[in-house]
Amino acid sequence: MTVDRRTDTRDMLVVHAAFRREFRQALELVRGIPPGHHAQVRQVADHVMLLLQFLHLHHAGEDRLLWPKLLDRLPADVAPTVGLMERQHETIHTLIEETTATAMRWRSSSHGTDRDRVAELLDLLIVELAEHLGAEEEQVLPLASRCLTQAEWDQLGEEGLGALPRSRLPLAFGMIMKDADPEVIRGILANVPLIPRVVLPRIGPRVYARYTRRLHGA
C-alpha cells in the first residue's frame, strides 16, 4: 500500500533531536560530579534513568506499531531496513538495561568508579543512538511517509505520549518542545484530547525549564 499524499513525519525528527540533546547533556552532568556528593549523584542518576525509560518506551512503540506495518505493505523494500532497525534496537536495549543497573548502583554508592562506568556506558549509547537515529531518518521516514496514512503515523506519537508516566508527561513534552518548530508541535497536539492539548504547551516548557535549572544546579 502506498498512500496518495505523503505523510508528515517531522514529529519524529523533533523527538530524535530531544534524545540527542538530552543524552549529550546527561553525559556532561555525570562526568562533572565529584565522588561522594550524594545529593547530586541521586538527582543526576535519576535523570539518566528517566531518559533511559523514555527511550525504551519510544522504541517499544516503534517495535509494536511501525515495523509490522512497513513489513506488511512494502516487504521487499523494507525487510533489510527493518532488520537493521530491530538489531539496533536490541543493541540499544542491552545498553539501556546495563546503564540503568549501573546508574542505580551509582545512586546508592556515589563511588567514582560507578560514575565512570555510567559515563562510559552513556558514551557508548550516544554513539549507537546517533547511528540508529540517523539511519531511521534516512531510511525509515521516507518509507513511512509513502505507505502509512497520517492517522496511522499519528497513532505512533499518540500512543508514545500515552505510554509515558502521567506525572512525567509535562516534562517530556517540554523536552520535545525545546528548540522545536512550533508548526510541528501544533501537529503533534492536533489529535490530543482538548485539555492536554491546551495545557501541555503552556506548562511543558515551564516544567522543563524548572527541572533543568535544578538539575544543572545540583
N, C-alpha and C. Protein backbone atom coordinates (compact mmCIF):
# COMPACT_ATOMS: atom_id res chain seq x y z
N MET A 1 0.85 -1.21 0.00
CA MET A 1 0.00 0.00 0.00
C MET A 1 0.87 1.24 0.00
N THR A 2 0.56 2.18 -0.88
CA THR A 2 1.24 3.47 -0.89
C THR A 2 0.18 4.56 -0.84
N VAL A 3 0.26 5.43 0.14
CA VAL A 3 -0.75 6.48 0.27
C VAL A 3 -0.51 7.54 -0.79
N ASP A 4 -1.62 8.19 -1.23
CA ASP A 4 -1.52 9.18 -2.30
C ASP A 4 -0.80 10.45 -1.84
N ARG A 5 -1.02 10.83 -0.61
CA ARG A 5 -0.42 12.05 -0.10
C ARG A 5 0.65 11.69 0.91
N ARG A 6 1.80 12.32 0.80
CA ARG A 6 2.90 11.99 1.69
C ARG A 6 2.55 12.36 3.13
N THR A 7 2.82 11.43 4.02
CA THR A 7 2.54 11.63 5.44
C THR A 7 3.64 12.48 6.08
N ASP A 8 3.24 13.38 6.94
CA ASP A 8 4.18 14.27 7.62
C ASP A 8 4.80 13.54 8.80
N THR A 9 6.09 13.27 8.71
CA THR A 9 6.80 12.53 9.78
C THR A 9 7.78 13.42 10.54
N ARG A 10 7.61 14.73 10.43
CA ARG A 10 8.58 15.63 11.05
C ARG A 10 8.59 15.54 12.57
N ASP A 11 7.50 15.08 13.16
CA ASP A 11 7.48 14.96 14.62
C ASP A 11 8.57 14.01 15.12
N MET A 12 8.91 13.00 14.32
CA MET A 12 9.97 12.07 14.72
C MET A 12 11.31 12.79 14.78
N LEU A 13 11.54 13.73 13.89
CA LEU A 13 12.79 14.48 13.92
C LEU A 13 12.90 15.31 15.19
N VAL A 14 11.78 15.84 15.65
CA VAL A 14 11.75 16.62 16.89
C VAL A 14 12.09 15.74 18.08
N VAL A 15 11.49 14.56 18.13
CA VAL A 15 11.77 13.62 19.22
C VAL A 15 13.23 13.19 19.19
N HIS A 16 13.74 12.89 18.03
CA HIS A 16 15.15 12.48 17.90
C HIS A 16 16.08 13.59 18.36
N ALA A 17 15.77 14.82 18.00
CA ALA A 17 16.61 15.95 18.43
C ALA A 17 16.64 16.06 19.94
N ALA A 18 15.50 15.82 20.57
CA ALA A 18 15.45 15.87 22.04
C ALA A 18 16.32 14.78 22.65
N PHE A 19 16.26 13.56 22.12
CA PHE A 19 17.09 12.48 22.65
C PHE A 19 18.58 12.81 22.47
N ARG A 20 18.95 13.28 21.31
CA ARG A 20 20.36 13.62 21.09
C ARG A 20 20.83 14.66 22.11
N ARG A 21 20.06 15.71 22.28
CA ARG A 21 20.44 16.79 23.20
C ARG A 21 20.50 16.32 24.64
N GLU A 22 19.46 15.62 25.07
CA GLU A 22 19.36 15.26 26.48
C GLU A 22 20.42 14.24 26.90
N PHE A 23 20.71 13.27 26.07
CA PHE A 23 21.74 12.29 26.44
C PHE A 23 23.13 12.92 26.41
N ARG A 24 23.37 13.81 25.47
CA ARG A 24 24.66 14.50 25.45
C ARG A 24 24.85 15.34 26.72
N GLN A 25 23.82 16.07 27.11
CA GLN A 25 23.91 16.88 28.32
C GLN A 25 24.00 16.02 29.57
N ALA A 26 23.31 14.88 29.57
CA ALA A 26 23.37 13.98 30.72
C ALA A 26 24.79 13.45 30.92
N LEU A 27 25.46 13.12 29.84
CA LEU A 27 26.84 12.65 29.94
C LEU A 27 27.73 13.72 30.57
N GLU A 28 27.55 14.97 30.17
CA GLU A 28 28.33 16.06 30.75
C GLU A 28 28.05 16.20 32.24
N LEU A 29 26.79 16.05 32.63
CA LEU A 29 26.43 16.14 34.05
C LEU A 29 27.09 15.03 34.85
N VAL A 30 27.02 13.81 34.33
CA VAL A 30 27.62 12.67 35.04
C VAL A 30 29.11 12.89 35.24
N ARG A 31 29.79 13.28 34.21
CA ARG A 31 31.24 13.47 34.29
C ARG A 31 31.63 14.58 35.26
N GLY A 32 30.73 15.53 35.49
CA GLY A 32 31.07 16.68 36.31
C GLY A 32 30.84 16.52 37.79
N ILE A 33 30.33 15.38 38.24
CA ILE A 33 30.02 15.20 39.66
C ILE A 33 31.19 14.53 40.38
N PRO A 34 31.75 15.16 41.41
CA PRO A 34 32.83 14.53 42.18
C PRO A 34 32.28 13.36 42.99
N PRO A 35 33.11 12.36 43.28
CA PRO A 35 32.68 11.24 44.11
C PRO A 35 32.22 11.73 45.48
N GLY A 36 31.20 11.06 46.00
CA GLY A 36 30.75 11.33 47.36
C GLY A 36 29.73 12.43 47.50
N HIS A 37 29.38 13.12 46.44
CA HIS A 37 28.36 14.17 46.50
C HIS A 37 26.99 13.51 46.33
N HIS A 38 26.47 12.99 47.44
CA HIS A 38 25.34 12.06 47.38
C HIS A 38 24.08 12.69 46.78
N ALA A 39 23.74 13.91 47.19
CA ALA A 39 22.51 14.53 46.69
C ALA A 39 22.60 14.77 45.19
N GLN A 40 23.75 15.25 44.72
CA GLN A 40 23.93 15.47 43.29
C GLN A 40 23.87 14.16 42.51
N VAL A 41 24.52 13.14 43.07
CA VAL A 41 24.52 11.84 42.40
C VAL A 41 23.11 11.31 42.26
N ARG A 42 22.32 11.38 43.32
CA ARG A 42 20.95 10.86 43.26
C ARG A 42 20.14 11.59 42.19
N GLN A 43 20.27 12.91 42.15
CA GLN A 43 19.48 13.69 41.20
C GLN A 43 19.87 13.37 39.76
N VAL A 44 21.16 13.32 39.49
CA VAL A 44 21.61 13.06 38.12
C VAL A 44 21.37 11.61 37.73
N ALA A 45 21.57 10.68 38.65
CA ALA A 45 21.29 9.27 38.34
C ALA A 45 19.82 9.08 38.02
N ASP A 46 18.94 9.72 38.78
CA ASP A 46 17.51 9.63 38.50
C ASP A 46 17.19 10.20 37.12
N HIS A 47 17.86 11.28 36.77
CA HIS A 47 17.64 11.88 35.45
C HIS A 47 18.08 10.93 34.34
N VAL A 48 19.23 10.33 34.50
CA VAL A 48 19.72 9.38 33.50
C VAL A 48 18.72 8.24 33.33
N MET A 49 18.24 7.70 34.44
CA MET A 49 17.30 6.58 34.36
C MET A 49 15.98 7.00 33.73
N LEU A 50 15.57 8.25 33.96
CA LEU A 50 14.34 8.74 33.33
C LEU A 50 14.50 8.82 31.81
N LEU A 51 15.62 9.35 31.35
CA LEU A 51 15.88 9.40 29.91
C LEU A 51 15.90 8.00 29.30
N LEU A 52 16.50 7.07 30.00
CA LEU A 52 16.55 5.69 29.51
C LEU A 52 15.15 5.10 29.42
N GLN A 53 14.29 5.42 30.39
CA GLN A 53 12.90 4.96 30.34
C GLN A 53 12.18 5.56 29.14
N PHE A 54 12.35 6.84 28.91
CA PHE A 54 11.72 7.49 27.76
C PHE A 54 12.17 6.82 26.45
N LEU A 55 13.46 6.56 26.34
CA LEU A 55 13.99 5.94 25.11
C LEU A 55 13.43 4.54 24.92
N HIS A 56 13.36 3.78 26.01
CA HIS A 56 12.81 2.43 25.93
C HIS A 56 11.36 2.46 25.44
N LEU A 57 10.55 3.36 25.99
CA LEU A 57 9.15 3.45 25.59
C LEU A 57 9.02 3.86 24.13
N HIS A 58 9.88 4.76 23.70
CA HIS A 58 9.86 5.20 22.30
C HIS A 58 10.15 4.03 21.36
N HIS A 59 11.15 3.26 21.67
CA HIS A 59 11.49 2.12 20.82
C HIS A 59 10.43 1.03 20.89
N ALA A 60 9.85 0.82 22.06
CA ALA A 60 8.80 -0.20 22.19
C ALA A 60 7.61 0.13 21.29
N GLY A 61 7.27 1.41 21.19
CA GLY A 61 6.18 1.81 20.31
C GLY A 61 6.50 1.54 18.85
N GLU A 62 7.71 1.81 18.44
CA GLU A 62 8.11 1.52 17.06
C GLU A 62 8.07 0.02 16.78
N ASP A 63 8.56 -0.77 17.74
CA ASP A 63 8.56 -2.22 17.56
C ASP A 63 7.14 -2.75 17.39
N ARG A 64 6.21 -2.17 18.10
CA ARG A 64 4.84 -2.68 18.11
C ARG A 64 3.99 -2.13 16.97
N LEU A 65 4.19 -0.87 16.62
CA LEU A 65 3.26 -0.21 15.70
C LEU A 65 3.85 0.10 14.32
N LEU A 66 5.15 0.29 14.24
CA LEU A 66 5.72 0.76 12.98
C LEU A 66 6.27 -0.35 12.11
N TRP A 67 7.15 -1.19 12.67
CA TRP A 67 7.79 -2.21 11.83
C TRP A 67 6.78 -3.16 11.20
N PRO A 68 5.77 -3.67 11.95
CA PRO A 68 4.83 -4.60 11.31
C PRO A 68 4.10 -3.98 10.11
N LYS A 69 3.72 -2.71 10.21
CA LYS A 69 3.02 -2.08 9.09
C LYS A 69 3.93 -1.94 7.87
N LEU A 70 5.18 -1.56 8.11
CA LEU A 70 6.11 -1.42 6.99
C LEU A 70 6.34 -2.77 6.30
N LEU A 71 6.54 -3.81 7.09
CA LEU A 71 6.78 -5.14 6.52
C LEU A 71 5.56 -5.64 5.76
N ASP A 72 4.38 -5.31 6.25
CA ASP A 72 3.15 -5.78 5.62
C ASP A 72 2.92 -5.11 4.27
N ARG A 73 3.32 -3.86 4.16
CA ARG A 73 2.96 -3.09 2.97
C ARG A 73 4.08 -3.00 1.93
N LEU A 74 5.31 -3.03 2.36
CA LEU A 74 6.43 -2.94 1.43
C LEU A 74 7.49 -3.98 1.79
N PRO A 75 7.14 -5.26 1.82
CA PRO A 75 8.08 -6.25 2.34
C PRO A 75 9.40 -6.31 1.59
N ALA A 76 9.36 -6.25 0.27
CA ALA A 76 10.61 -6.35 -0.49
C ALA A 76 11.50 -5.15 -0.24
N ASP A 77 10.90 -4.00 -0.09
CA ASP A 77 11.66 -2.76 0.10
C ASP A 77 12.25 -2.65 1.50
N VAL A 78 11.46 -3.04 2.50
CA VAL A 78 11.83 -2.65 3.87
C VAL A 78 12.39 -3.77 4.72
N ALA A 79 12.32 -5.01 4.27
CA ALA A 79 12.80 -6.10 5.13
C ALA A 79 14.23 -5.87 5.61
N PRO A 80 15.18 -5.53 4.74
CA PRO A 80 16.54 -5.28 5.23
C PRO A 80 16.61 -4.09 6.18
N THR A 81 15.84 -3.05 5.89
CA THR A 81 15.86 -1.86 6.75
C THR A 81 15.27 -2.16 8.11
N VAL A 82 14.14 -2.86 8.14
CA VAL A 82 13.52 -3.21 9.42
C VAL A 82 14.44 -4.14 10.20
N GLY A 83 15.09 -5.07 9.51
CA GLY A 83 16.05 -5.93 10.20
C GLY A 83 17.15 -5.13 10.86
N LEU A 84 17.66 -4.12 10.16
CA LEU A 84 18.68 -3.25 10.74
C LEU A 84 18.14 -2.51 11.95
N MET A 85 16.93 -1.96 11.84
CA MET A 85 16.33 -1.23 12.96
C MET A 85 16.17 -2.14 14.18
N GLU A 86 15.71 -3.35 13.96
CA GLU A 86 15.50 -4.28 15.07
C GLU A 86 16.82 -4.66 15.73
N ARG A 87 17.85 -4.88 14.93
CA ARG A 87 19.16 -5.20 15.51
C ARG A 87 19.69 -4.01 16.32
N GLN A 88 19.52 -2.83 15.79
CA GLN A 88 19.97 -1.65 16.53
C GLN A 88 19.17 -1.46 17.81
N HIS A 89 17.87 -1.71 17.76
CA HIS A 89 17.07 -1.63 18.97
C HIS A 89 17.56 -2.62 20.02
N GLU A 90 17.90 -3.82 19.59
CA GLU A 90 18.39 -4.83 20.54
C GLU A 90 19.69 -4.37 21.19
N THR A 91 20.60 -3.83 20.39
CA THR A 91 21.87 -3.33 20.93
C THR A 91 21.62 -2.20 21.92
N ILE A 92 20.76 -1.28 21.55
CA ILE A 92 20.46 -0.15 22.43
C ILE A 92 19.73 -0.61 23.68
N HIS A 93 18.84 -1.58 23.53
CA HIS A 93 18.13 -2.10 24.71
C HIS A 93 19.10 -2.70 25.72
N THR A 94 20.08 -3.44 25.23
CA THR A 94 21.10 -4.00 26.13
C THR A 94 21.84 -2.89 26.87
N LEU A 95 22.18 -1.83 26.16
CA LEU A 95 22.85 -0.69 26.79
C LEU A 95 21.93 0.01 27.78
N ILE A 96 20.65 0.12 27.45
CA ILE A 96 19.69 0.73 28.38
C ILE A 96 19.65 -0.05 29.68
N GLU A 97 19.57 -1.37 29.58
CA GLU A 97 19.49 -2.20 30.79
C GLU A 97 20.76 -2.08 31.62
N GLU A 98 21.91 -2.16 30.97
CA GLU A 98 23.17 -2.09 31.72
C GLU A 98 23.39 -0.70 32.32
N THR A 99 23.05 0.32 31.57
CA THR A 99 23.22 1.68 32.08
C THR A 99 22.27 1.95 33.24
N THR A 100 21.05 1.46 33.14
CA THR A 100 20.09 1.62 34.24
C THR A 100 20.60 0.94 35.50
N ALA A 101 21.06 -0.29 35.38
CA ALA A 101 21.56 -1.02 36.55
C ALA A 101 22.78 -0.32 37.15
N THR A 102 23.66 0.19 36.31
CA THR A 102 24.85 0.87 36.81
C THR A 102 24.49 2.20 37.44
N ALA A 103 23.54 2.92 36.86
CA ALA A 103 23.09 4.18 37.44
C ALA A 103 22.44 3.96 38.81
N MET A 104 21.70 2.87 38.96
CA MET A 104 21.11 2.55 40.26
C MET A 104 22.21 2.27 41.29
N ARG A 105 23.23 1.55 40.87
CA ARG A 105 24.34 1.26 41.78
C ARG A 105 25.08 2.55 42.15
N TRP A 106 25.31 3.40 41.18
CA TRP A 106 25.96 4.68 41.44
C TRP A 106 25.12 5.54 42.37
N ARG A 107 23.82 5.51 42.19
CA ARG A 107 22.91 6.28 43.05
C ARG A 107 23.08 5.90 44.51
N SER A 108 23.32 4.62 44.76
CA SER A 108 23.47 4.13 46.13
C SER A 108 24.87 4.35 46.68
N SER A 109 25.88 4.21 45.82
CA SER A 109 27.26 4.22 46.30
C SER A 109 27.93 5.59 46.24
N SER A 110 27.58 6.37 45.23
CA SER A 110 28.26 7.65 44.93
C SER A 110 29.74 7.47 44.63
N HIS A 111 30.16 6.26 44.30
CA HIS A 111 31.57 5.98 44.04
C HIS A 111 31.99 6.51 42.67
N GLY A 112 33.23 6.95 42.59
CA GLY A 112 33.76 7.43 41.33
C GLY A 112 33.84 6.35 40.27
N THR A 113 34.09 5.11 40.68
CA THR A 113 34.18 4.03 39.70
C THR A 113 32.82 3.78 39.05
N ASP A 114 31.75 3.85 39.85
CA ASP A 114 30.41 3.68 39.28
C ASP A 114 30.05 4.86 38.38
N ARG A 115 30.41 6.06 38.80
CA ARG A 115 30.18 7.24 37.94
C ARG A 115 30.88 7.07 36.60
N ASP A 116 32.13 6.64 36.64
CA ASP A 116 32.90 6.49 35.41
C ASP A 116 32.28 5.44 34.49
N ARG A 117 31.74 4.38 35.10
CA ARG A 117 31.10 3.34 34.29
C ARG A 117 29.80 3.86 33.67
N VAL A 118 29.03 4.63 34.42
CA VAL A 118 27.83 5.25 33.85
C VAL A 118 28.21 6.13 32.66
N ALA A 119 29.25 6.93 32.83
CA ALA A 119 29.70 7.82 31.75
C ALA A 119 30.15 7.01 30.54
N GLU A 120 30.88 5.93 30.79
CA GLU A 120 31.35 5.08 29.69
C GLU A 120 30.18 4.49 28.92
N LEU A 121 29.18 4.00 29.65
CA LEU A 121 28.01 3.40 29.00
C LEU A 121 27.19 4.44 28.25
N LEU A 122 27.04 5.62 28.83
CA LEU A 122 26.33 6.69 28.13
C LEU A 122 27.05 7.08 26.84
N ASP A 123 28.36 7.10 26.91
CA ASP A 123 29.15 7.42 25.71
C ASP A 123 28.88 6.38 24.62
N LEU A 124 28.88 5.11 25.00
CA LEU A 124 28.58 4.05 24.04
C LEU A 124 27.16 4.19 23.49
N LEU A 125 26.22 4.48 24.39
CA LEU A 125 24.83 4.62 23.98
C LEU A 125 24.66 5.78 22.99
N ILE A 126 25.32 6.88 23.26
CA ILE A 126 25.21 8.05 22.39
C ILE A 126 25.71 7.72 20.98
N VAL A 127 26.80 6.96 20.90
CA VAL A 127 27.33 6.56 19.60
C VAL A 127 26.34 5.67 18.86
N GLU A 128 25.83 4.65 19.57
CA GLU A 128 24.86 3.74 18.95
C GLU A 128 23.59 4.47 18.56
N LEU A 129 23.15 5.38 19.42
CA LEU A 129 21.92 6.11 19.16
C LEU A 129 22.07 7.04 17.96
N ALA A 130 23.23 7.67 17.85
CA ALA A 130 23.46 8.55 16.70
C ALA A 130 23.37 7.77 15.39
N GLU A 131 23.98 6.60 15.37
CA GLU A 131 23.93 5.77 14.16
C GLU A 131 22.50 5.33 13.86
N HIS A 132 21.79 4.91 14.91
CA HIS A 132 20.43 4.42 14.73
C HIS A 132 19.48 5.52 14.28
N LEU A 133 19.51 6.65 14.97
CA LEU A 133 18.60 7.74 14.62
C LEU A 133 18.87 8.25 13.21
N GLY A 134 20.15 8.34 12.86
CA GLY A 134 20.48 8.77 11.51
C GLY A 134 19.95 7.81 10.45
N ALA A 135 20.11 6.51 10.69
CA ALA A 135 19.62 5.52 9.74
C ALA A 135 18.10 5.55 9.65
N GLU A 136 17.46 5.73 10.79
CA GLU A 136 16.00 5.79 10.80
C GLU A 136 15.49 6.99 10.01
N GLU A 137 16.15 8.12 10.19
CA GLU A 137 15.74 9.33 9.48
C GLU A 137 15.96 9.21 7.98
N GLU A 138 17.06 8.57 7.60
CA GLU A 138 17.39 8.47 6.17
C GLU A 138 16.60 7.36 5.47
N GLN A 139 16.36 6.25 6.17
CA GLN A 139 15.79 5.09 5.51
C GLN A 139 14.33 4.83 5.85
N VAL A 140 13.96 5.01 7.12
CA VAL A 140 12.61 4.64 7.55
C VAL A 140 11.59 5.74 7.29
N LEU A 141 11.92 6.97 7.62
CA LEU A 141 10.93 8.03 7.50
C LEU A 141 10.42 8.21 6.07
N PRO A 142 11.28 8.14 5.04
CA PRO A 142 10.73 8.22 3.68
C PRO A 142 9.77 7.08 3.36
N LEU A 143 10.06 5.87 3.85
CA LEU A 143 9.16 4.74 3.62
C LEU A 143 7.85 4.93 4.35
N ALA A 144 7.93 5.36 5.60
CA ALA A 144 6.71 5.59 6.38
C ALA A 144 5.86 6.67 5.74
N SER A 145 6.49 7.69 5.21
CA SER A 145 5.76 8.76 4.55
C SER A 145 5.02 8.26 3.31
N ARG A 146 5.56 7.23 2.68
CA ARG A 146 4.93 6.67 1.48
C ARG A 146 3.78 5.73 1.79
N CYS A 147 3.92 4.90 2.82
CA CYS A 147 2.99 3.77 2.94
C CYS A 147 2.11 3.81 4.18
N LEU A 148 2.25 4.80 5.04
CA LEU A 148 1.36 4.95 6.19
C LEU A 148 0.48 6.17 5.99
N THR A 149 -0.77 6.06 6.39
CA THR A 149 -1.63 7.24 6.39
C THR A 149 -1.21 8.16 7.53
N GLN A 150 -1.67 9.41 7.46
CA GLN A 150 -1.36 10.34 8.54
C GLN A 150 -1.94 9.86 9.85
N ALA A 151 -3.14 9.28 9.81
CA ALA A 151 -3.76 8.78 11.04
C ALA A 151 -2.94 7.66 11.65
N GLU A 152 -2.42 6.76 10.82
CA GLU A 152 -1.61 5.67 11.33
C GLU A 152 -0.31 6.19 11.92
N TRP A 153 0.30 7.15 11.25
CA TRP A 153 1.53 7.73 11.79
C TRP A 153 1.26 8.46 13.10
N ASP A 154 0.19 9.23 13.13
CA ASP A 154 -0.14 9.98 14.34
C ASP A 154 -0.40 9.06 15.52
N GLN A 155 -0.93 7.86 15.25
CA GLN A 155 -1.17 6.90 16.33
C GLN A 155 0.11 6.55 17.05
N LEU A 156 1.21 6.48 16.32
CA LEU A 156 2.50 6.17 16.93
C LEU A 156 2.86 7.23 17.96
N GLY A 157 2.70 8.50 17.61
CA GLY A 157 3.00 9.57 18.54
C GLY A 157 2.04 9.63 19.70
N GLU A 158 0.75 9.43 19.40
CA GLU A 158 -0.26 9.49 20.46
C GLU A 158 -0.04 8.40 21.49
N GLU A 159 0.24 7.19 21.03
CA GLU A 159 0.46 6.09 21.97
C GLU A 159 1.79 6.25 22.68
N GLY A 160 2.75 6.89 22.02
CA GLY A 160 4.01 7.17 22.69
C GLY A 160 3.82 8.11 23.87
N LEU A 161 3.05 9.17 23.66
CA LEU A 161 2.75 10.08 24.77
C LEU A 161 1.93 9.37 25.84
N GLY A 162 0.98 8.54 25.40
CA GLY A 162 0.14 7.84 26.36
C GLY A 162 0.88 6.83 27.21
N ALA A 163 2.01 6.32 26.69
CA ALA A 163 2.78 5.33 27.45
C ALA A 163 3.62 5.96 28.55
N LEU A 164 3.84 7.26 28.47
CA LEU A 164 4.66 7.93 29.48
C LEU A 164 3.93 7.99 30.82
N PRO A 165 4.67 7.92 31.92
CA PRO A 165 4.04 8.13 33.23
C PRO A 165 3.33 9.49 33.23
N ARG A 166 2.09 9.52 33.69
CA ARG A 166 1.30 10.76 33.63
C ARG A 166 2.01 11.92 34.32
N SER A 167 2.66 11.62 35.44
CA SER A 167 3.32 12.70 36.19
C SER A 167 4.50 13.29 35.43
N ARG A 168 5.03 12.53 34.46
CA ARG A 168 6.19 12.99 33.70
C ARG A 168 5.83 13.56 32.34
N LEU A 169 4.56 13.55 31.99
CA LEU A 169 4.16 14.00 30.67
C LEU A 169 4.50 15.47 30.40
N PRO A 170 4.23 16.40 31.33
CA PRO A 170 4.63 17.79 31.06
C PRO A 170 6.13 17.95 30.85
N LEU A 171 6.93 17.24 31.65
CA LEU A 171 8.38 17.32 31.49
C LEU A 171 8.80 16.78 30.13
N ALA A 172 8.28 15.62 29.77
CA ALA A 172 8.64 15.03 28.48
C ALA A 172 8.23 15.93 27.33
N PHE A 173 7.06 16.54 27.43
CA PHE A 173 6.62 17.41 26.35
C PHE A 173 7.46 18.68 26.30
N GLY A 174 7.87 19.16 27.46
CA GLY A 174 8.78 20.31 27.48
C GLY A 174 10.10 20.00 26.82
N MET A 175 10.62 18.79 27.04
CA MET A 175 11.85 18.37 26.36
C MET A 175 11.66 18.37 24.85
N ILE A 176 10.52 17.87 24.40
CA ILE A 176 10.26 17.79 22.97
C ILE A 176 10.12 19.19 22.36
N MET A 177 9.48 20.10 23.11
CA MET A 177 9.23 21.44 22.59
C MET A 177 10.50 22.28 22.48
N LYS A 178 11.49 21.97 23.29
CA LYS A 178 12.73 22.75 23.29
C LYS A 178 13.34 22.77 21.88
N ASP A 179 13.50 23.96 21.33
CA ASP A 179 14.12 24.15 20.01
C ASP A 179 13.30 23.59 18.85
N ALA A 180 12.05 23.15 19.11
CA ALA A 180 11.25 22.54 18.05
C ALA A 180 10.49 23.59 17.24
N ASP A 181 10.21 23.26 16.00
CA ASP A 181 9.39 24.10 15.13
C ASP A 181 7.97 24.14 15.69
N PRO A 182 7.43 25.32 15.99
CA PRO A 182 6.07 25.41 16.54
C PRO A 182 5.02 24.73 15.66
N GLU A 183 5.22 24.76 14.35
CA GLU A 183 4.26 24.10 13.45
C GLU A 183 4.22 22.60 13.70
N VAL A 184 5.38 22.01 13.94
CA VAL A 184 5.43 20.58 14.21
C VAL A 184 4.77 20.28 15.55
N ILE A 185 5.00 21.12 16.54
CA ILE A 185 4.37 20.93 17.84
C ILE A 185 2.85 20.99 17.70
N ARG A 186 2.34 21.92 16.92
CA ARG A 186 0.89 22.00 16.70
C ARG A 186 0.38 20.72 16.05
N GLY A 187 1.16 20.16 15.15
CA GLY A 187 0.76 18.91 14.53
C GLY A 187 0.72 17.76 15.53
N ILE A 188 1.69 17.71 16.44
CA ILE A 188 1.70 16.67 17.46
C ILE A 188 0.46 16.77 18.33
N LEU A 189 0.05 17.99 18.64
CA LEU A 189 -1.07 18.21 19.55
C LEU A 189 -2.43 18.09 18.87
N ALA A 190 -2.46 18.04 17.55
CA ALA A 190 -3.72 18.15 16.82
C ALA A 190 -4.75 17.11 17.24
N ASN A 191 -4.30 15.89 17.50
CA ASN A 191 -5.23 14.81 17.83
C ASN A 191 -5.23 14.44 19.31
N VAL A 192 -4.58 15.27 20.11
CA VAL A 192 -4.57 15.05 21.56
C VAL A 192 -5.87 15.59 22.13
N PRO A 193 -6.45 14.95 23.17
CA PRO A 193 -7.67 15.49 23.78
C PRO A 193 -7.52 16.95 24.18
N LEU A 194 -8.64 17.63 24.27
CA LEU A 194 -8.66 19.08 24.41
C LEU A 194 -7.84 19.58 25.59
N ILE A 195 -8.05 19.02 26.77
CA ILE A 195 -7.38 19.56 27.96
C ILE A 195 -5.86 19.47 27.84
N PRO A 196 -5.29 18.29 27.57
CA PRO A 196 -3.82 18.27 27.40
C PRO A 196 -3.35 19.07 26.20
N ARG A 197 -4.18 19.19 25.17
CA ARG A 197 -3.79 19.99 24.00
C ARG A 197 -3.60 21.46 24.38
N VAL A 198 -4.42 21.92 25.31
CA VAL A 198 -4.31 23.30 25.77
C VAL A 198 -3.23 23.44 26.84
N VAL A 199 -3.17 22.47 27.76
CA VAL A 199 -2.32 22.60 28.94
C VAL A 199 -0.85 22.32 28.64
N LEU A 200 -0.58 21.26 27.89
CA LEU A 200 0.81 20.82 27.71
C LEU A 200 1.72 21.89 27.12
N PRO A 201 1.32 22.58 26.05
CA PRO A 201 2.24 23.59 25.51
C PRO A 201 2.43 24.79 26.42
N ARG A 202 1.53 24.96 27.39
CA ARG A 202 1.68 26.07 28.32
C ARG A 202 2.59 25.71 29.49
N ILE A 203 2.37 24.53 30.05
CA ILE A 203 3.14 24.18 31.25
C ILE A 203 4.39 23.39 30.94
N GLY A 204 4.43 22.68 29.79
CA GLY A 204 5.59 21.86 29.47
C GLY A 204 6.90 22.61 29.49
N PRO A 205 7.01 23.73 28.78
CA PRO A 205 8.28 24.47 28.80
C PRO A 205 8.66 24.97 30.18
N ARG A 206 7.69 25.36 31.00
CA ARG A 206 8.00 25.84 32.35
C ARG A 206 8.49 24.70 33.23
N VAL A 207 7.81 23.56 33.13
CA VAL A 207 8.23 22.39 33.92
C VAL A 207 9.64 21.97 33.51
N TYR A 208 9.90 21.93 32.21
CA TYR A 208 11.22 21.53 31.73
C TYR A 208 12.29 22.52 32.16
N ALA A 209 12.00 23.83 32.07
CA ALA A 209 12.99 24.84 32.46
C ALA A 209 13.30 24.75 33.95
N ARG A 210 12.28 24.56 34.77
CA ARG A 210 12.49 24.45 36.21
C ARG A 210 13.29 23.18 36.54
N TYR A 211 12.94 22.08 35.89
CA TYR A 211 13.65 20.82 36.08
C TYR A 211 15.12 20.97 35.68
N THR A 212 15.37 21.61 34.55
CA THR A 212 16.74 21.78 34.06
C THR A 212 17.56 22.66 34.99
N ARG A 213 16.95 23.73 35.51
CA ARG A 213 17.67 24.59 36.45
C ARG A 213 18.09 23.82 37.69
N ARG A 214 17.18 23.04 38.23
CA ARG A 214 17.52 22.24 39.42
C ARG A 214 18.61 21.23 39.09
N LEU A 215 18.49 20.60 37.94
CA LEU A 215 19.43 19.55 37.56
C LEU A 215 20.83 20.12 37.36
N HIS A 216 20.94 21.20 36.66
CA HIS A 216 22.26 21.77 36.37
C HIS A 216 22.82 22.54 37.55
N GLY A 217 21.97 22.85 38.51
CA GLY A 217 22.45 23.49 39.72
C GLY A 217 22.71 22.52 40.85
N ALA A 218 22.57 21.21 40.54
CA ALA A 218 22.68 20.18 41.59
C ALA A 218 24.03 20.22 42.26
